[in-house]
Amino acid sequence: MNAYEAITGRRSLRQLATLPVPQPLIQKLLYAACLAPAPHHTKPWRFIQLESARSRSRLAEAMGAAWQRDLQGDGVAEEKIAYLLERSQRQIEAAPALVLGCLVGDGLRAWPDKTRRRAEYRMAVQSMGCALENMMVAAQGEGLASYWISAPLFCPDAVRDALDLPAEYEAQALVVFGYPQAGVTPRPRQEPDLATLIKKA
């Protein structure tokens, strides 16, 4: 499988087999993440491989509590909240392999004005997206499926506290990896409307 085939074949697939993902393969995916482009040749990301049941349980509970408060504030019915929280907890605790990406400010320039500081931060965020995509495309090339959970963005303090992370770690996203369940295929992808999405200047 070449790079283009991995990119076009990659899909978010949540129906994963219970087979464990070998540690050398996870390290290979993390290595790919650390090759992402970054501002000023920095490394504005850190990755947490969540292996222990205790860490996963604490993370699921902390994120669930934060989400529950938000859902209750939005007026969502308690039955719906219970369903969403149970599904979220199951995804985290049962993931064959689970990686948390965190943003850090190492090497970022402390510009004197707000506009450039904001642009510097956005460059780091874009780099994080590249790193996560590197992992997911590499996983596709290795015969793994993956999907992205963006919930940590909505409760970074809860994530940091649950995992005892350093103060400068800003949680961004979880990525779940695993082997696809036998016989499961992703739904057909909606083809992008290139005429709408791409303009010439």
C-alpha atoms as a PDB file:
ATOM      1  CA  MET A   1       0.000   0.000   0.000  1.00  0.00           C
ATOM      2  CA  ASN A   2       1.472   3.341  -1.002  1.00  0.00           C
ATOM      3  CA  ALA A   3       0.961   6.624   0.854  1.00  0.00           C
ATOM      4  CA  TYR A   4      -1.886   7.791  -1.391  1.00  0.00           C
ATOM      5  CA  GLU A   5      -3.724   4.502  -0.965  1.00  0.00           C
ATOM      6  CA  ALA A   6      -3.352   4.752   2.813  1.00  0.00           C
ATOM      7  CA  ILE A   7      -4.704   8.312   2.808  1.00  0.00           C
ATOM      8  CA  THR A   8      -7.672   7.586   0.568  1.00  0.00           C
ATOM      9  CA  GLY A   9      -8.404   4.272   2.292  1.00  0.00           C
ATOM     10  CA  ARG A  10      -8.294   5.608   5.840  1.00  0.00           C
ATOM     11  CA  ARG A  11     -11.692   5.811   7.511  1.00  0.00           C
ATOM     12  CA  SER A  12     -12.887   6.151  11.075  1.00  0.00           C
ATOM     13  CA  LEU A  13     -13.988   2.648  12.078  1.00  0.00           C
ATOM     14  CA  ARG A  14     -15.276   1.894  15.577  1.00  0.00           C
ATOM     15  CA  GLN A  15     -16.044  -1.799  15.099  1.00  0.00           C
ATOM     16  CA  LEU A  16     -12.732  -3.204  16.326  1.00  0.00           C
ATOM     17  CA  ALA A  17     -11.670  -6.744  17.186  1.00  0.00           C
ATOM     18  CA  THR A  18     -10.526  -7.486  20.726  1.00  0.00           C
ATOM     19  CA  LEU A  19      -7.098  -8.563  19.475  1.00  0.00           C
ATOM     20  CA  PRO A  20      -4.293  -6.607  21.160  1.00  0.00           C
ATOM     21  CA  VAL A  21      -2.101  -4.348  19.046  1.00  0.00           C
ATOM     22  CA  PRO A  22       1.561  -5.374  19.406  1.00  0.00           C
ATOM     23  CA  GLN A  23       3.696  -2.846  21.264  1.00  0.00           C
ATOM     24  CA  PRO A  24       6.307  -2.562  18.460  1.00  0.00           C
ATOM     25  CA  LEU A  25       3.519  -1.586  16.067  1.00  0.00           C
ATOM     26  CA  ILE A  26       2.205   1.089  18.449  1.00  0.00           C
ATOM     27  CA  GLN A  27       5.747   2.466  18.745  1.00  0.00           C
ATOM     28  CA  LYS A  28       5.938   2.571  14.958  1.00  0.00           C
ATOM     29  CA  LEU A  29       2.767   4.669  14.814  1.00  0.00           C
ATOM     30  CA  LEU A  30       4.035   7.013  17.521  1.00  0.00           C
ATOM     31  CA  TYR A  31       7.302   7.396  15.623  1.00  0.00           C
ATOM     32  CA  ALA A  32       5.295   8.441  12.566  1.00  0.00           C
ATOM     33  CA  ALA A  33       3.472  11.015  14.700  1.00  0.00           C
ATOM     34  CA  CYS A  34       6.768  12.516  15.826  1.00  0.00           C
ATOM     35  CA  LEU A  35       7.799  13.134  12.223  1.00  0.00           C
ATOM     36  CA  ALA A  36       4.999  15.672  11.709  1.00  0.00           C
ATOM     37  CA  PRO A  37       5.897  19.157  10.488  1.00  0.00           C
ATOM     38  CA  ALA A  38       6.092  21.681  13.325  1.00  0.00           C
ATOM     39  CA  PRO A  39       6.868  25.399  13.742  1.00  0.00           C
ATOM     40  CA  HIS A  40      10.568  26.282  13.971  1.00  0.00           C
ATOM     41  CA  HIS A  41      11.541  22.581  14.056  1.00  0.00           C
ATOM     42  CA  THR A  42       9.958  22.277  17.503  1.00  0.00           C
ATOM     43  CA  LYS A  43       8.124  19.303  18.997  1.00  0.00           C
ATOM     44  CA  PRO A  44       4.939  20.947  20.369  1.00  0.00           C
ATOM     45  CA  TRP A  45       3.253  17.671  21.259  1.00  0.00           C
ATOM     46  CA  ARG A  46       3.486  14.880  23.795  1.00  0.00           C
ATOM     47  CA  PHE A  47       1.796  11.488  23.538  1.00  0.00           C
ATOM     48  CA  ILE A  48       0.445   9.375  26.383  1.00  0.00           C
ATOM     49  CA  GLN A  49      -0.041   5.680  25.682  1.00  0.00           C
ATOM     50  CA  LEU A  50      -2.867   4.587  27.956  1.00  0.00           C
ATOM     51  CA  GLU A  51      -2.194   0.965  28.857  1.00  0.00           C
ATOM     52  CA  SER A  52      -3.429   0.395  32.410  1.00  0.00           C
ATOM     53  CA  ALA A  53      -7.072  -0.244  33.239  1.00  0.00           C
ATOM     54  CA  ARG A  54      -6.740   2.200  36.152  1.00  0.00           C
ATOM     55  CA  SER A  55      -5.605   5.072  33.921  1.00  0.00           C
ATOM     56  CA  ARG A  56      -8.342   4.414  31.405  1.00  0.00           C
ATOM     57  CA  SER A  57     -11.001   4.162  34.098  1.00  0.00           C
ATOM     58  CA  ARG A  58      -9.907   7.404  35.767  1.00  0.00           C
ATOM     59  CA  LEU A  59      -9.846   9.174  32.405  1.00  0.00           C
ATOM     60  CA  ALA A  60     -13.279   7.877  31.402  1.00  0.00           C
ATOM     61  CA  GLU A  61     -14.783   8.894  34.732  1.00  0.00           C
ATOM     62  CA  ALA A  62     -13.268  12.391  34.681  1.00  0.00           C
ATOM     63  CA  MET A  63     -14.267  13.085  31.098  1.00  0.00           C
ATOM     64  CA  GLY A  64     -17.698  11.588  31.720  1.00  0.00           C
ATOM     65  CA  ALA A  65     -18.310  13.843  34.718  1.00  0.00           C
ATOM     66  CA  ALA A  66     -17.363  16.934  32.704  1.00  0.00           C
ATOM     67  CA  TRP A  67     -19.558  15.888  29.785  1.00  0.00           C
ATOM     68  CA  GLN A  68     -22.455  15.078  32.084  1.00  0.00           C
ATOM     69  CA  ARG A  69     -22.382  18.618  33.494  1.00  0.00           C
ATOM     70  CA  ASP A  70     -22.416  20.062  29.981  1.00  0.00           C
ATOM     71  CA  LEU A  71     -25.244  17.811  28.820  1.00  0.00           C
ATOM     72  CA  GLN A  72     -27.352  18.576  31.882  1.00  0.00           C
ATOM     73  CA  GLY A  73     -26.756  22.270  31.313  1.00  0.00           C
ATOM     74  CA  ASP A  74     -27.968  21.804  27.740  1.00  0.00           C
ATOM     75  CA  GLY A  75     -31.176  20.193  29.006  1.00  0.00           C
ATOM     76  CA  VAL A  76     -30.503  16.745  27.529  1.00  0.00           C
ATOM     77  CA  ALA A  77     -32.743  13.996  28.925  1.00  0.00           C
ATOM     78  CA  GLU A  78     -31.144  11.850  31.636  1.00  0.00           C
ATOM     79  CA  GLU A  79     -31.772   8.653  29.670  1.00  0.00           C
ATOM     80  CA  LYS A  80     -29.879  10.053  26.698  1.00  0.00           C
ATOM     81  CA  ILE A  81     -27.049  11.241  28.962  1.00  0.00           C
ATOM     82  CA  ALA A  82     -26.732   7.785  30.521  1.00  0.00           C
ATOM     83  CA  TYR A  83     -26.516   6.187  27.071  1.00  0.00           C
ATOM     84  CA  LEU A  84     -23.889   8.640  25.818  1.00  0.00           C
ATOM     85  CA  LEU A  85     -21.743   8.319  28.939  1.00  0.00           C
ATOM     86  CA  GLU A  86     -21.872   4.518  28.886  1.00  0.00           C
ATOM     87  CA  ARG A  87     -20.816   4.437  25.236  1.00  0.00           C
ATOM     88  CA  SER A  88     -17.995   6.910  25.849  1.00  0.00           C
ATOM     89  CA  GLN A  89     -16.684   4.957  28.826  1.00  0.00           C
ATOM     90  CA  ARG A  90     -16.801   1.702  26.865  1.00  0.00           C
ATOM     91  CA  GLN A  91     -14.822   3.216  23.991  1.00  0.00           C
ATOM     92  CA  ILE A  92     -12.042   4.360  26.308  1.00  0.00           C
ATOM     93  CA  GLU A  93     -11.847   1.294  28.524  1.00  0.00           C
ATOM     94  CA  ALA A  94     -12.181  -1.315  25.756  1.00  0.00           C
ATOM     95  CA  ALA A  95      -9.921   0.284  23.124  1.00  0.00           C
ATOM     96  CA  PRO A  96      -7.321  -2.224  21.893  1.00  0.00           C
ATOM     97  CA  ALA A  97      -4.778   0.631  21.837  1.00  0.00           C
ATOM     98  CA  LEU A  98      -5.323   4.189  23.034  1.00  0.00           C
ATOM     99  CA  VAL A  99      -3.123   7.283  22.657  1.00  0.00           C
ATOM    100  CA  LEU A 100      -3.703  10.778  24.034  1.00  0.00           C
ATOM    101  CA  GLY A 101      -2.136  13.724  22.224  1.00  0.00           C
ATOM    102  CA  CYS A 102      -1.250  16.796  24.286  1.00  0.00           C
ATOM    103  CA  LEU A 103      -0.026  20.199  23.169  1.00  0.00           C
ATOM    104  CA  VAL A 104       2.987  21.831  24.832  1.00  0.00           C
ATOM    105  CA  GLY A 105       4.670  25.167  24.274  1.00  0.00           C
ATOM    106  CA  ASP A 106       8.249  23.934  23.965  1.00  0.00           C
ATOM    107  CA  GLY A 107      10.177  26.145  21.564  1.00  0.00           C
ATOM    108  CA  LEU A 108       7.245  28.356  20.609  1.00  0.00           C
ATOM    109  CA  ARG A 109       8.139  32.013  20.303  1.00  0.00           C
ATOM    110  CA  ALA A 110       6.812  34.422  22.921  1.00  0.00           C
ATOM    111  CA  TRP A 111       5.941  37.323  20.657  1.00  0.00           C
ATOM    112  CA  PRO A 112       5.287  40.670  22.382  1.00  0.00           C
ATOM    113  CA  ASP A 113       1.883  41.123  20.713  1.00  0.00           C
ATOM    114  CA  LYS A 114      -1.295  39.084  21.017  1.00  0.00           C
ATOM    115  CA  THR A 115      -1.772  38.617  17.270  1.00  0.00           C
ATOM    116  CA  ARG A 116       1.521  36.819  16.731  1.00  0.00           C
ATOM    117  CA  ARG A 117       1.225  34.813  19.947  1.00  0.00           C
ATOM    118  CA  ARG A 118      -2.155  33.569  18.750  1.00  0.00           C
ATOM    119  CA  ALA A 119      -0.701  32.685  15.334  1.00  0.00           C
ATOM    120  CA  GLU A 120       2.172  30.827  17.031  1.00  0.00           C
ATOM    121  CA  TYR A 121      -0.312  28.794  19.075  1.00  0.00           C
ATOM    122  CA  ARG A 122      -2.350  28.002  15.980  1.00  0.00           C
ATOM    123  CA  MET A 123       0.755  26.707  14.235  1.00  0.00           C
ATOM    124  CA  ALA A 124       1.275  24.314  17.129  1.00  0.00           C
ATOM    125  CA  VAL A 125      -2.349  23.161  16.932  1.00  0.00           C
ATOM    126  CA  GLN A 126      -1.989  22.560  13.200  1.00  0.00           C
ATOM    127  CA  SER A 127       1.157  20.546  13.891  1.00  0.00           C
ATOM    128  CA  MET A 128      -0.770  18.419  16.384  1.00  0.00           C
ATOM    129  CA  GLY A 129      -3.353  17.687  13.712  1.00  0.00           C
ATOM    130  CA  CYS A 130      -0.578  16.614  11.353  1.00  0.00           C
ATOM    131  CA  ALA A 131       0.894  14.324  14.017  1.00  0.00           C
ATOM    132  CA  LEU A 132      -2.453  12.645  14.693  1.00  0.00           C
ATOM    133  CA  GLU A 133      -3.079  12.210  10.974  1.00  0.00           C
ATOM    134  CA  ASN A 134       0.388  10.694  10.559  1.00  0.00           C
ATOM    135  CA  MET A 135      -0.519   8.078  13.152  1.00  0.00           C
ATOM    136  CA  MET A 136      -3.858   7.268  11.592  1.00  0.00           C
ATOM    137  CA  VAL A 137      -2.533   7.031   8.028  1.00  0.00           C
ATOM    138  CA  ALA A 138       0.369   4.874   9.234  1.00  0.00           C
ATOM    139  CA  ALA A 139      -2.155   2.647  11.020  1.00  0.00           C
ATOM    140  CA  GLN A 140      -4.106   2.242   7.785  1.00  0.00           C
ATOM    141  CA  GLY A 141      -0.916   1.195   6.034  1.00  0.00           C
ATOM    142  CA  GLU A 142      -0.336  -1.443   8.731  1.00  0.00           C
ATOM    143  CA  GLY A 143      -3.800  -2.959   8.400  1.00  0.00           C
ATOM    144  CA  LEU A 144      -5.218  -1.251  11.499  1.00  0.00           C
ATOM    145  CA  ALA A 145      -8.347   0.821  11.852  1.00  0.00           C
ATOM    146  CA  SER A 146      -8.518   3.966  13.943  1.00  0.00           C
ATOM    147  CA  TYR A 147     -10.776   6.766  15.035  1.00  0.00           C
ATOM    148  CA  TRP A 148     -10.334  10.118  16.681  1.00  0.00           C
ATOM    149  CA  ILE A 149     -12.066  11.241  19.909  1.00  0.00           C
ATOM    150  CA  SER A 150     -11.975  15.030  20.283  1.00  0.00           C
ATOM    151  CA  ALA A 151     -13.649  15.120  23.715  1.00  0.00           C
ATOM    152  CA  PRO A 152     -10.408  15.996  25.612  1.00  0.00           C
ATOM    153  CA  LEU A 153     -10.516  19.442  23.996  1.00  0.00           C
ATOM    154  CA  PHE A 154     -13.670  20.191  26.000  1.00  0.00           C
ATOM    155  CA  CYS A 155     -12.243  19.184  29.393  1.00  0.00           C
ATOM    156  CA  PRO A 156      -8.432  19.517  29.341  1.00  0.00           C
ATOM    157  CA  ASP A 157      -8.169  20.204  33.068  1.00  0.00           C
ATOM    158  CA  ALA A 158     -10.155  17.077  33.923  1.00  0.00           C
ATOM    159  CA  VAL A 159      -7.912  14.997  31.652  1.00  0.00           C
ATOM    160  CA  ARG A 160      -4.752  16.467  33.161  1.00  0.00           C
ATOM    161  CA  ASP A 161      -5.936  15.803  36.706  1.00  0.00           C
ATOM    162  CA  ALA A 162      -7.135  12.269  35.965  1.00  0.00           C
ATOM    163  CA  LEU A 163      -3.768  11.250  34.513  1.00  0.00           C
ATOM    164  CA  ASP A 164      -1.527  13.402  36.755  1.00  0.00           C
ATOM    165  CA  LEU A 165      -0.035  15.120  33.723  1.00  0.00           C
ATOM    166  CA  PRO A 166       2.364  18.073  33.935  1.00  0.00           C
ATOM    167  CA  ALA A 167       0.707  21.484  34.101  1.00  0.00           C
ATOM    168  CA  GLU A 168       1.910  22.442  30.616  1.00  0.00           C
ATOM    169  CA  TYR A 169       0.238  19.450  28.930  1.00  0.00           C
ATOM    170  CA  GLU A 170      -2.945  20.585  27.147  1.00  0.00           C
ATOM    171  CA  ALA A 171      -5.044  17.588  26.120  1.00  0.00           C
ATOM    172  CA  GLN A 172      -6.156  17.679  22.483  1.00  0.00           C
ATOM    173  CA  ALA A 173      -7.472  14.314  21.297  1.00  0.00           C
ATOM    174  CA  LEU A 174      -7.560  10.581  21.845  1.00  0.00           C
ATOM    175  CA  VAL A 175      -6.910   8.138  19.020  1.00  0.00           C
ATOM    176  CA  VAL A 176      -8.142   4.545  19.218  1.00  0.00           C
ATOM    177  CA  PHE A 177      -6.352   1.857  17.199  1.00  0.00           C
ATOM    178  CA  GLY A 178      -7.245  -1.755  16.581  1.00  0.00           C
ATOM    179  CA  TYR A 179      -7.772  -4.461  14.012  1.00  0.00           C
ATOM    180  CA  PRO A 180     -11.114  -4.212  12.178  1.00  0.00           C
ATOM    181  CA  GLN A 181     -13.768  -6.717  13.136  1.00  0.00           C
ATOM    182  CA  ALA A 182     -14.111  -9.485  10.567  1.00  0.00           C
ATOM    183  CA  GLY A 183     -16.656  -8.658   7.887  1.00  0.00           C
ATOM    184  CA  VAL A 184     -17.011  -4.994   8.886  1.00  0.00           C
ATOM    185  CA  THR A 185     -16.457  -2.354   6.233  1.00  0.00           C
ATOM    186  CA  PRO A 186     -16.845   1.416   6.531  1.00  0.00           C
ATOM    187  CA  ARG A 187     -19.846   3.113   5.052  1.00  0.00           C
ATOM    188  CA  PRO A 188     -19.262   4.585   1.570  1.00  0.00           C
ATOM    189  CA  ARG A 189     -17.423   7.876   1.743  1.00  0.00           C
ATOM    190  CA  GLN A 190     -19.144  10.978   0.413  1.00  0.00           C
ATOM    191  CA  GLU A 191     -16.934  12.206  -2.381  1.00  0.00           C
ATOM    192  CA  PRO A 192     -15.622  15.744  -1.857  1.00  0.00           C
ATOM    193  CA  ASP A 193     -17.010  18.408  -4.173  1.00  0.00           C
ATOM    194  CA  LEU A 194     -13.695  19.678  -5.505  1.00  0.00           C
ATOM    195  CA  ALA A 195     -15.349  22.457  -7.514  1.00  0.00           C
ATOM    196  CA  THR A 196     -16.701  23.922  -4.270  1.00  0.00           C
ATOM    197  CA  LEU A 197     -13.737  23.177  -2.018  1.00  0.00           C
ATOM    198  CA  ILE A 198     -10.894  24.249  -4.315  1.00  0.00           C
ATOM    199  CA  LYS A 199     -10.537  27.719  -5.812  1.00  0.00           C
ATOM    200  CA  LYS A 200      -7.852  29.197  -7.989  1.00  0.00           C
ATOM    201  CA  ALA A 201      -6.431  32.672  -7.524  1.00  0.00           C
END
